[in-house]
Amino acid sequence: MTLSVRIPVRVEQDLAEYCAKNKVSKSEAVKRALDEFLATKQSEQSPYELGKDLIGAHTDESPSEDVARETKRLLRQRFRPATK
């Protein structure tokens, strides 16, 4: 199948550099990029799934305290050094 696409000059320059560096044709580079893009779109995760390990406790258990009401205190505990 033939497909024509207009791309910005900057993208064309980047593509030409990539192709020269990796010794592939522009068509091959675009095919690979589309294939990778479409493969990741099919297995696309929700924003929560993507950041799950970065948000809150690293567990699926419910918090033992009311995080919403105690946000300031919990943040202070987390980021201020413990006083001795």
Protein backbone atom coordinates (compact mmCIF):
# COMPACT_ATOMS: atom_id res chain seq x y z
CA MET A 1 0.00 0.00 0.00
CA THR A 2 1.24 3.46 -0.81
CA LEU A 3 0.65 6.31 1.62
CA SER A 4 1.68 9.93 1.26
CA VAL A 5 2.15 12.06 4.34
CA ARG A 6 3.29 15.65 4.77
CA ILE A 7 5.74 16.06 7.61
CA PRO A 8 7.35 19.20 9.02
CA VAL A 9 10.85 20.07 7.79
CA ARG A 10 12.32 19.44 11.25
CA VAL A 11 10.87 15.92 11.32
CA GLU A 12 12.13 15.25 7.81
CA GLN A 13 15.62 16.33 8.82
CA ASP A 14 15.53 14.14 11.93
CA LEU A 15 14.30 11.21 9.85
CA ALA A 16 17.08 11.69 7.29
CA GLU A 17 19.70 11.80 10.05
CA TYR A 18 18.26 8.68 11.70
CA CYS A 19 18.22 6.80 8.40
CA ALA A 20 21.80 7.73 7.56
CA LYS A 21 23.01 6.80 11.03
CA ASN A 22 21.16 3.45 11.09
CA LYS A 23 21.57 2.66 7.38
CA VAL A 24 17.85 2.16 6.69
CA SER A 25 15.54 3.71 4.13
CA LYS A 26 13.02 6.34 5.12
CA SER A 27 10.22 3.92 4.24
CA GLU A 28 11.67 1.22 6.49
CA ALA A 29 12.15 3.66 9.37
CA VAL A 30 8.55 4.90 9.09
CA LYS A 31 7.23 1.32 8.90
CA ARG A 32 9.13 0.39 12.06
CA ALA A 33 7.96 3.51 13.88
CA LEU A 34 4.33 2.91 12.95
CA ASP A 35 4.56 -0.74 13.91
CA GLU A 36 5.99 0.14 17.32
CA PHE A 37 3.47 2.94 17.87
CA LEU A 38 0.50 0.74 17.01
CA ALA A 39 1.79 -2.12 19.15
CA THR A 40 2.03 0.14 22.20
CA LYS A 41 -1.39 1.65 21.54
CA GLN A 42 -3.00 -1.79 21.63
CA SER A 43 -1.56 -2.52 25.05
CA GLU A 44 -2.06 1.02 26.31
CA GLN A 45 -2.44 1.22 30.05
CA SER A 46 -4.44 3.72 32.03
CA PRO A 47 -2.58 6.63 33.63
CA TYR A 48 -3.07 4.90 36.99
CA GLU A 49 -1.49 1.67 35.75
CA LEU A 50 1.48 3.59 34.33
CA GLY A 51 2.18 5.44 37.58
CA LYS A 52 0.89 2.89 40.07
CA ASP A 53 4.36 2.15 41.44
CA LEU A 54 5.05 5.87 41.89
CA ILE A 55 1.86 6.83 43.72
CA GLY A 56 1.27 6.30 47.40
CA ALA A 57 2.24 3.17 49.22
CA HIS A 58 3.69 0.36 47.13
CA THR A 59 0.86 -1.96 48.00
CA ASP A 60 -2.74 -2.58 47.05
CA GLU A 61 -3.80 -2.57 50.71
CA SER A 62 -6.04 0.19 52.01
CA PRO A 63 -4.22 2.88 54.01
CA SER A 64 -4.40 2.46 57.78
CA GLU A 65 -5.33 6.11 58.30
CA ASP A 66 -7.38 8.83 56.64
CA VAL A 67 -4.85 10.16 54.13
CA ALA A 68 -7.14 12.93 52.87
CA ARG A 69 -7.57 14.46 56.33
CA GLU A 70 -3.95 13.98 57.35
CA THR A 71 -2.19 15.06 54.13
CA LYS A 72 -0.14 17.91 55.63
CA ARG A 73 1.02 15.87 58.61
CA LEU A 74 1.91 12.87 56.45
CA LEU A 75 3.87 15.04 54.00
CA ARG A 76 5.78 16.67 56.86
CA GLN A 77 6.65 13.24 58.24
CA ARG A 78 7.79 12.04 54.85
CA PHE A 79 9.94 15.00 53.84
CA ARG A 80 11.27 16.48 57.10
CA PRO A 81 14.08 14.70 58.84
CA ALA A 82 13.12 13.03 62.08
CA THR A 83 14.00 15.09 65.14
CA LYS A 84 15.95 13.30 67.84
